[in-house]
Amino acid sequence: MKHVFRPAALHCALIAAVVSVPGAAFAQADPAKDFPNRPLRIMGQGVGSTADYLSRVIGQKLTERWGQPVVVDNRAGAGGTIPTEVVAKASPDGYSLAMGHAGPIVSAVTLYPKLGYDPVRDLQPVTMVAQGVTTLVVHSSVPASNVKELVAFIRQKGRLPYGSAGNGSISHLSAELFGKVAGVELDHIPYKSAGAALTALLSGEVPMAFLSPVTVAAQLKAGGAAKLRPLVVSTPKRFVGAPDIPGAAEAGFPQFDAKLWFGLFTTAKTPRPIVEKLNRAVVEILGTPEVREMLLKQGIETVTSTPEELAKFVRVEIDRWTPIIKAAGITAD
């Protein structure tokens, strides 16, 4: 039987093909459709740090949500720049995330002239995660029950060493700012992480440190049996996550203001749909009463944002801290 060529039928078929191809191509081009389909990792900084704690909370909830393992990869050192650089140089696919904070995202720009990444150019903000304070804590052997007594003690000694979570970390910046505001001399002893600084403080290796309430949570809950004594938080007002510790203003130093913050970042040029999917998931997780209350009990407050809002926040913080770091002569010692 001879085949009958029907132009009208062919025309309809061609139209159907043309209409269907863009839809298929769009479906294939949507990078977030099957994301994630393999394990993710969050560079959580040093063990025992607030960044590590937040990474584990978010990682567990993302695993429950997506059914894919989220590995928290702890790499301490150099003020958090080492793990952050890993993410900055990773494939731009959303599978590598960094729990960023002031150290590797803000102060590193000034402290490390040969920094291996540009936090604005090489990282893609996902969402703000939490904000809080650092707490000035002293070893129980220090004869001071409040900030004014500590300042008098330091002046009597001439100067006093303090431990920090690393060069350029907010615990480092907080102490340097406190020294300038209080008019006392302090010697910086950087450790590889907040957990390492806490260990040194507990052993009496250093007499004081500025650490997150999350890091010193167990000691704060121990009350009179604790080896550490909290004296003041790093903001003028008391912090809701540590209401029993005086704010800097009531301690007599209203100019002392160094906020602790954490944000989630991935590699620059990660497809926008993936960034938006990550943002939605993390914002929803942090918005649950369970997670909000759990973090607040540990001494930190959940704060979320759009990627654009976090990007703007980072630029403002860099502009704010760069002149302070230079004027104070803070170096990556």
Protein backbone atom coordinates (compact mmCIF):
# COMPACT_ATOMS: atom_id res chain seq x y z
CA MET A 1 0.00 0.00 0.00
CA LYS A 2 1.44 3.33 -1.05
CA HIS A 3 2.03 5.81 1.77
CA VAL A 4 0.01 9.00 1.35
CA PHE A 5 1.92 12.16 2.22
CA ARG A 6 -0.30 14.59 4.18
CA PRO A 7 1.32 18.04 4.57
CA ALA A 8 -1.29 19.13 7.13
CA ALA A 9 -0.51 16.18 9.39
CA LEU A 10 3.22 16.84 9.08
CA HIS A 11 2.66 20.49 9.91
CA CYS A 12 0.79 19.57 13.09
CA ALA A 13 3.50 17.13 14.07
CA LEU A 14 6.19 19.74 13.63
CA ILE A 15 4.29 22.22 15.75
CA ALA A 16 3.86 19.63 18.49
CA ALA A 17 7.57 18.85 18.38
CA VAL A 18 8.59 22.51 18.54
CA VAL A 19 6.23 23.16 21.45
CA SER A 20 7.38 20.10 23.39
CA VAL A 21 11.13 20.61 23.03
CA PRO A 22 11.40 23.83 25.09
CA GLY A 23 9.44 22.23 27.92
CA ALA A 24 11.71 19.19 27.94
CA ALA A 25 14.80 21.36 27.70
CA PHE A 26 13.56 23.52 30.59
CA ALA A 27 12.92 20.46 32.75
CA GLN A 28 16.42 19.17 32.06
CA ALA A 29 17.91 22.62 32.67
CA ASP A 30 16.37 23.01 36.14
CA PRO A 31 19.37 22.21 38.37
CA ALA A 32 17.32 22.25 41.57
CA LYS A 33 14.81 19.61 40.46
CA ASP A 34 16.89 16.65 41.68
CA PHE A 35 18.99 18.55 44.20
CA PRO A 36 20.35 17.05 46.34
CA ASN A 37 20.89 13.55 45.00
CA ARG A 38 24.14 12.86 46.87
CA PRO A 39 25.70 13.80 50.23
CA LEU A 40 26.36 17.43 51.11
CA ARG A 41 29.04 18.83 53.39
CA ILE A 42 29.15 21.82 55.70
CA MET A 43 32.55 23.18 56.67
CA GLY A 44 31.81 23.74 60.35
CA GLN A 45 35.17 25.13 61.53
CA GLY A 46 36.69 23.78 64.77
CA VAL A 47 35.10 21.17 67.03
CA GLY A 48 33.35 22.76 69.99
CA SER A 49 32.81 26.08 68.23
CA THR A 50 29.44 27.73 67.69
CA ALA A 51 29.92 27.30 63.94
CA ASP A 52 30.35 23.57 64.49
CA TYR A 53 27.24 23.40 66.68
CA LEU A 54 25.07 25.29 64.20
CA SER A 55 26.39 23.19 61.32
CA ARG A 56 25.41 19.99 63.09
CA VAL A 57 21.92 21.22 63.93
CA ILE A 58 21.25 22.33 60.35
CA GLY A 59 22.96 19.27 58.89
CA GLN A 60 20.79 16.88 60.89
CA LYS A 61 17.60 18.68 59.92
CA LEU A 62 18.56 18.80 56.23
CA THR A 63 19.29 15.07 56.32
CA GLU A 64 15.84 14.42 57.79
CA ARG A 65 14.26 16.70 55.19
CA TRP A 66 16.03 15.49 52.05
CA GLY A 67 17.14 11.97 52.94
CA GLN A 68 20.71 12.74 51.95
CA PRO A 69 23.60 12.68 54.45
CA VAL A 70 25.03 16.06 55.42
CA VAL A 71 28.60 15.68 56.64
CA VAL A 72 30.05 18.32 58.95
CA ASP A 73 33.70 18.69 57.96
CA ASN A 74 35.76 20.29 60.74
CA ARG A 75 38.99 21.98 59.70
CA ALA A 76 40.32 24.45 62.23
CA GLY A 77 43.03 27.03 61.91
CA ALA A 78 43.90 30.42 60.41
CA GLY A 79 40.81 32.10 61.79
CA GLY A 80 38.45 29.90 59.80
CA THR A 81 40.01 30.75 56.44
CA ILE A 82 41.17 27.20 55.71
CA PRO A 83 37.70 25.56 55.56
CA THR A 84 36.19 28.66 53.92
CA GLU A 85 38.73 28.51 51.11
CA VAL A 86 37.74 24.89 50.47
CA VAL A 87 34.18 26.00 49.74
CA ALA A 88 35.29 29.04 47.74
CA LYS A 89 37.22 26.74 45.39
CA ALA A 90 34.67 23.89 45.26
CA SER A 91 32.43 23.04 42.31
CA PRO A 92 29.59 25.57 42.05
CA ASP A 93 26.84 23.02 42.60
CA GLY A 94 25.58 23.72 46.14
CA TYR A 95 26.97 20.55 47.68
CA SER A 96 29.72 22.38 49.59
CA LEU A 97 28.63 24.87 52.26
CA ALA A 98 30.53 27.01 54.77
CA MET A 99 29.30 28.25 58.14
CA GLY A 100 30.77 31.71 57.78
CA HIS A 101 31.36 34.33 60.45
CA ALA A 102 33.40 37.48 61.06
CA GLY A 103 36.78 35.72 60.97
CA PRO A 104 36.93 34.23 57.47
CA ILE A 105 34.33 36.51 55.88
CA VAL A 106 35.16 39.98 57.26
CA SER A 107 38.45 40.44 59.11
CA ALA A 108 40.40 38.01 56.91
CA VAL A 109 40.20 40.57 54.10
CA THR A 110 42.48 42.88 56.11
CA LEU A 111 44.50 40.38 58.15
CA TYR A 112 45.63 38.09 55.33
CA PRO A 113 47.15 39.98 52.36
CA LYS A 114 47.57 36.70 50.48
CA LEU A 115 44.11 35.32 51.28
CA GLY A 116 43.29 32.55 48.83
CA TYR A 117 39.76 33.74 48.16
CA ASP A 118 37.64 36.87 48.03
CA PRO A 119 34.63 36.45 50.37
CA VAL A 120 32.50 38.77 48.24
CA ARG A 121 33.52 37.48 44.82
CA ASP A 122 34.11 33.76 45.49
CA LEU A 123 31.27 32.92 47.90
CA GLN A 124 27.52 32.93 47.36
CA PRO A 125 25.46 33.90 50.44
CA VAL A 126 22.57 31.55 51.24
CA THR A 127 21.05 32.91 54.47
CA MET A 128 21.93 34.43 57.79
CA VAL A 129 21.71 31.68 60.41
CA ALA A 130 22.12 33.20 63.86
CA GLN A 131 23.32 36.21 65.78
CA GLY A 132 24.50 36.62 69.32
CA VAL A 133 27.35 37.87 71.47
CA THR A 134 30.70 36.84 72.81
CA THR A 135 31.09 36.69 76.57
CA LEU A 136 34.09 37.88 78.53
CA VAL A 137 34.87 34.94 80.79
CA VAL A 138 37.72 34.71 83.29
CA HIS A 139 39.26 31.75 85.08
CA SER A 140 38.09 31.37 88.67
CA SER A 141 41.60 32.23 89.86
CA VAL A 142 41.22 35.80 88.56
CA PRO A 143 40.21 38.07 91.49
CA ALA A 144 37.40 39.90 89.71
CA SER A 145 33.64 39.51 90.00
CA ASN A 146 32.80 42.30 87.53
CA VAL A 147 34.38 44.21 84.65
CA LYS A 148 35.58 47.20 86.70
CA GLU A 149 37.40 44.89 89.10
CA LEU A 150 38.96 43.08 86.12
CA VAL A 151 40.14 46.37 84.59
CA ALA A 152 41.69 47.37 87.94
CA PHE A 153 43.40 43.96 88.16
CA ILE A 154 44.82 44.26 84.64
CA ARG A 155 46.16 47.74 85.35
CA GLN A 156 47.77 46.44 88.53
CA LYS A 157 49.40 43.58 86.59
CA GLY A 158 50.40 45.87 83.73
CA ARG A 159 48.88 43.65 81.04
CA LEU A 160 47.05 40.32 80.80
CA PRO A 161 47.00 37.54 78.18
CA TYR A 162 43.77 36.28 76.67
CA GLY A 163 42.86 33.36 74.44
CA SER A 164 40.81 33.56 71.26
CA ALA A 165 39.29 31.25 68.66
CA GLY A 166 41.92 32.41 66.17
CA ASN A 167 43.27 35.42 64.36
CA GLY A 168 40.51 37.70 63.14
CA SER A 169 37.76 35.75 64.86
CA ILE A 170 35.09 37.76 66.64
CA SER A 171 36.58 36.59 69.95
CA HIS A 172 39.86 38.19 68.85
CA LEU A 173 38.21 41.40 67.62
CA SER A 174 36.02 41.61 70.74
CA ALA A 175 39.04 41.46 73.05
CA GLU A 176 41.00 44.03 71.08
CA LEU A 177 38.03 46.39 71.02
CA PHE A 178 37.50 45.87 74.75
CA GLY A 179 41.14 46.68 75.44
CA LYS A 180 40.85 49.95 73.53
CA VAL A 181 37.56 50.94 75.17
CA ALA A 182 38.72 49.99 78.69
CA GLY A 183 42.21 51.44 78.23
CA VAL A 184 44.10 48.28 79.22
CA GLU A 185 46.91 46.27 77.63
CA LEU A 186 46.13 42.72 76.52
CA ASP A 187 48.30 40.02 74.95
CA HIS A 188 46.65 37.90 72.27
CA ILE A 189 47.13 34.13 72.31
CA PRO A 190 45.28 32.66 69.30
CA TYR A 191 44.10 29.05 69.26
CA LYS A 192 42.91 26.96 66.34
CA SER A 193 39.29 27.00 67.44
CA ALA A 194 36.90 28.18 70.13
CA GLY A 195 36.97 24.70 71.65
CA ALA A 196 40.76 24.82 71.94
CA ALA A 197 40.57 28.29 73.53
CA LEU A 198 38.02 27.01 76.05
CA THR A 199 40.30 24.10 76.97
CA ALA A 200 43.17 26.52 77.55
CA LEU A 201 40.97 28.75 79.69
CA LEU A 202 39.67 25.85 81.79
CA SER A 203 43.21 24.64 82.46
CA GLY A 204 44.35 28.09 83.50
CA GLU A 205 46.73 28.36 80.55
CA VAL A 206 45.12 31.74 79.86
CA PRO A 207 43.21 33.77 82.46
CA MET A 208 40.52 35.23 80.20
CA ALA A 209 38.83 34.94 76.80
CA PHE A 210 35.90 36.19 74.79
CA LEU A 211 33.84 33.16 73.76
CA SER A 212 30.31 32.48 72.56
CA PRO A 213 27.74 31.47 75.20
CA VAL A 214 27.31 28.29 73.12
CA THR A 215 30.97 27.40 73.65
CA VAL A 216 30.84 28.00 77.41
CA ALA A 217 27.25 26.79 77.91
CA ALA A 218 28.18 23.92 80.23
CA GLN A 219 30.26 26.23 82.42
CA LEU A 220 27.52 28.87 82.59
CA LYS A 221 25.03 26.23 83.71
CA ALA A 222 27.43 24.93 86.38
CA GLY A 223 26.99 28.12 88.41
CA GLY A 224 29.21 28.35 91.47
CA ALA A 225 30.88 25.04 90.68
CA ALA A 226 32.22 26.36 87.37
CA LYS A 227 35.88 27.08 86.75
CA LEU A 228 34.89 30.13 84.71
CA ARG A 229 33.15 33.36 85.61
CA PRO A 230 31.24 35.38 82.97
CA LEU A 231 31.55 39.15 83.42
CA VAL A 232 29.97 40.90 80.43
CA VAL A 233 28.61 40.33 76.92
CA SER A 234 29.98 42.10 73.87
CA THR A 235 26.96 44.33 73.21
CA PRO A 236 25.69 47.38 75.12
CA LYS A 237 22.46 45.64 76.16
CA ARG A 238 21.97 42.24 77.75
CA PHE A 239 21.48 39.41 75.29
CA VAL A 240 18.26 37.40 75.32
CA GLY A 241 20.23 34.15 75.05
CA ALA A 242 22.32 34.95 78.15
CA PRO A 243 20.06 37.22 80.23
CA ASP A 244 21.99 36.80 83.49
CA ILE A 245 25.19 38.37 82.13
CA PRO A 246 25.44 42.19 82.21
CA GLY A 247 25.51 44.20 79.00
CA ALA A 248 28.50 46.44 78.31
CA ALA A 249 26.59 49.65 79.00
CA GLU A 250 25.57 48.68 82.51
CA ALA A 251 29.12 47.46 83.11
CA GLY A 252 30.33 50.98 82.35
CA PHE A 253 31.55 50.52 78.76
CA PRO A 254 28.69 51.53 76.39
CA GLN A 255 31.05 51.85 73.40
CA PHE A 256 31.87 48.17 73.53
CA ASP A 257 29.84 46.56 70.74
CA ALA A 258 30.96 43.47 68.79
CA LYS A 259 28.10 41.31 67.59
CA LEU A 260 28.57 37.61 66.90
CA TRP A 261 26.96 36.32 63.69
CA PHE A 262 26.87 33.24 61.50
CA GLY A 263 25.75 32.85 57.90
CA LEU A 264 25.59 29.97 55.46
CA PHE A 265 27.53 30.33 52.21
CA THR A 266 28.18 28.18 49.16
CA THR A 267 30.44 28.54 46.14
CA ALA A 268 30.00 31.52 43.82
CA LYS A 269 28.23 30.85 40.50
CA THR A 270 26.10 28.11 42.06
CA PRO A 271 22.85 28.10 40.01
CA ARG A 272 20.25 30.42 41.48
CA PRO A 273 17.53 27.72 41.75
CA ILE A 274 19.83 25.66 43.98
CA VAL A 275 20.67 28.66 46.17
CA GLU A 276 16.95 29.40 46.53
CA LYS A 277 16.20 25.78 47.43
CA LEU A 278 18.91 25.82 50.10
CA ASN A 279 17.65 29.14 51.41
CA ARG A 280 14.04 27.94 51.69
CA ALA A 281 15.03 24.74 53.47
CA VAL A 282 17.35 26.35 56.02
CA VAL A 283 15.01 29.28 56.70
CA GLU A 284 12.13 26.87 57.35
CA ILE A 285 14.31 24.73 59.64
CA LEU A 286 15.47 27.74 61.68
CA GLY A 287 11.92 29.05 61.85
CA THR A 288 10.54 26.05 63.72
CA PRO A 289 9.82 26.64 67.44
CA GLU A 290 11.84 23.53 68.29
CA VAL A 291 15.04 24.80 66.70
CA ARG A 292 14.58 28.41 67.82
CA GLU A 293 14.13 27.37 71.45
CA MET A 294 16.98 24.85 71.31
CA LEU A 295 19.46 27.43 70.01
CA LEU A 296 18.30 30.14 72.39
CA LYS A 297 18.85 27.82 75.36
CA GLN A 298 22.41 27.40 74.14
CA GLY A 299 22.89 31.16 74.00
CA ILE A 300 22.35 32.15 70.37
CA GLU A 301 19.37 33.56 68.50
CA THR A 302 18.17 32.37 65.09
CA VAL A 303 18.14 35.11 62.45
CA THR A 304 17.44 34.36 58.79
CA SER A 305 17.63 36.41 55.59
CA THR A 306 17.52 36.37 51.83
CA PRO A 307 20.82 35.79 50.00
CA GLU A 308 20.80 39.47 49.00
CA GLU A 309 20.33 40.64 52.59
CA LEU A 310 23.26 38.52 53.77
CA ALA A 311 25.44 39.84 50.92
CA LYS A 312 24.64 43.43 51.94
CA PHE A 313 25.32 42.63 55.61
CA VAL A 314 28.77 41.24 54.74
CA ARG A 315 29.71 44.34 52.77
CA VAL A 316 28.61 46.60 55.64
CA GLU A 317 30.60 44.54 58.17
CA ILE A 318 33.74 44.65 56.01
CA ASP A 319 33.41 48.44 55.72
CA ARG A 320 32.84 48.71 59.48
CA TRP A 321 35.65 46.50 60.77
CA THR A 322 38.43 47.22 58.25
CA PRO A 323 39.27 50.70 59.64
CA ILE A 324 38.94 49.44 63.23
CA ILE A 325 41.37 46.58 62.56
CA LYS A 326 43.85 48.91 60.86
CA ALA A 327 43.60 51.61 63.52
CA ALA A 328 44.06 49.09 66.32
CA GLY A 329 47.02 47.51 64.57
CA ILE A 330 45.45 44.06 64.79
CA THR A 331 47.54 41.52 62.93
CA ALA A 332 47.40 37.81 62.14
CA ASP A 333 49.98 37.05 64.80
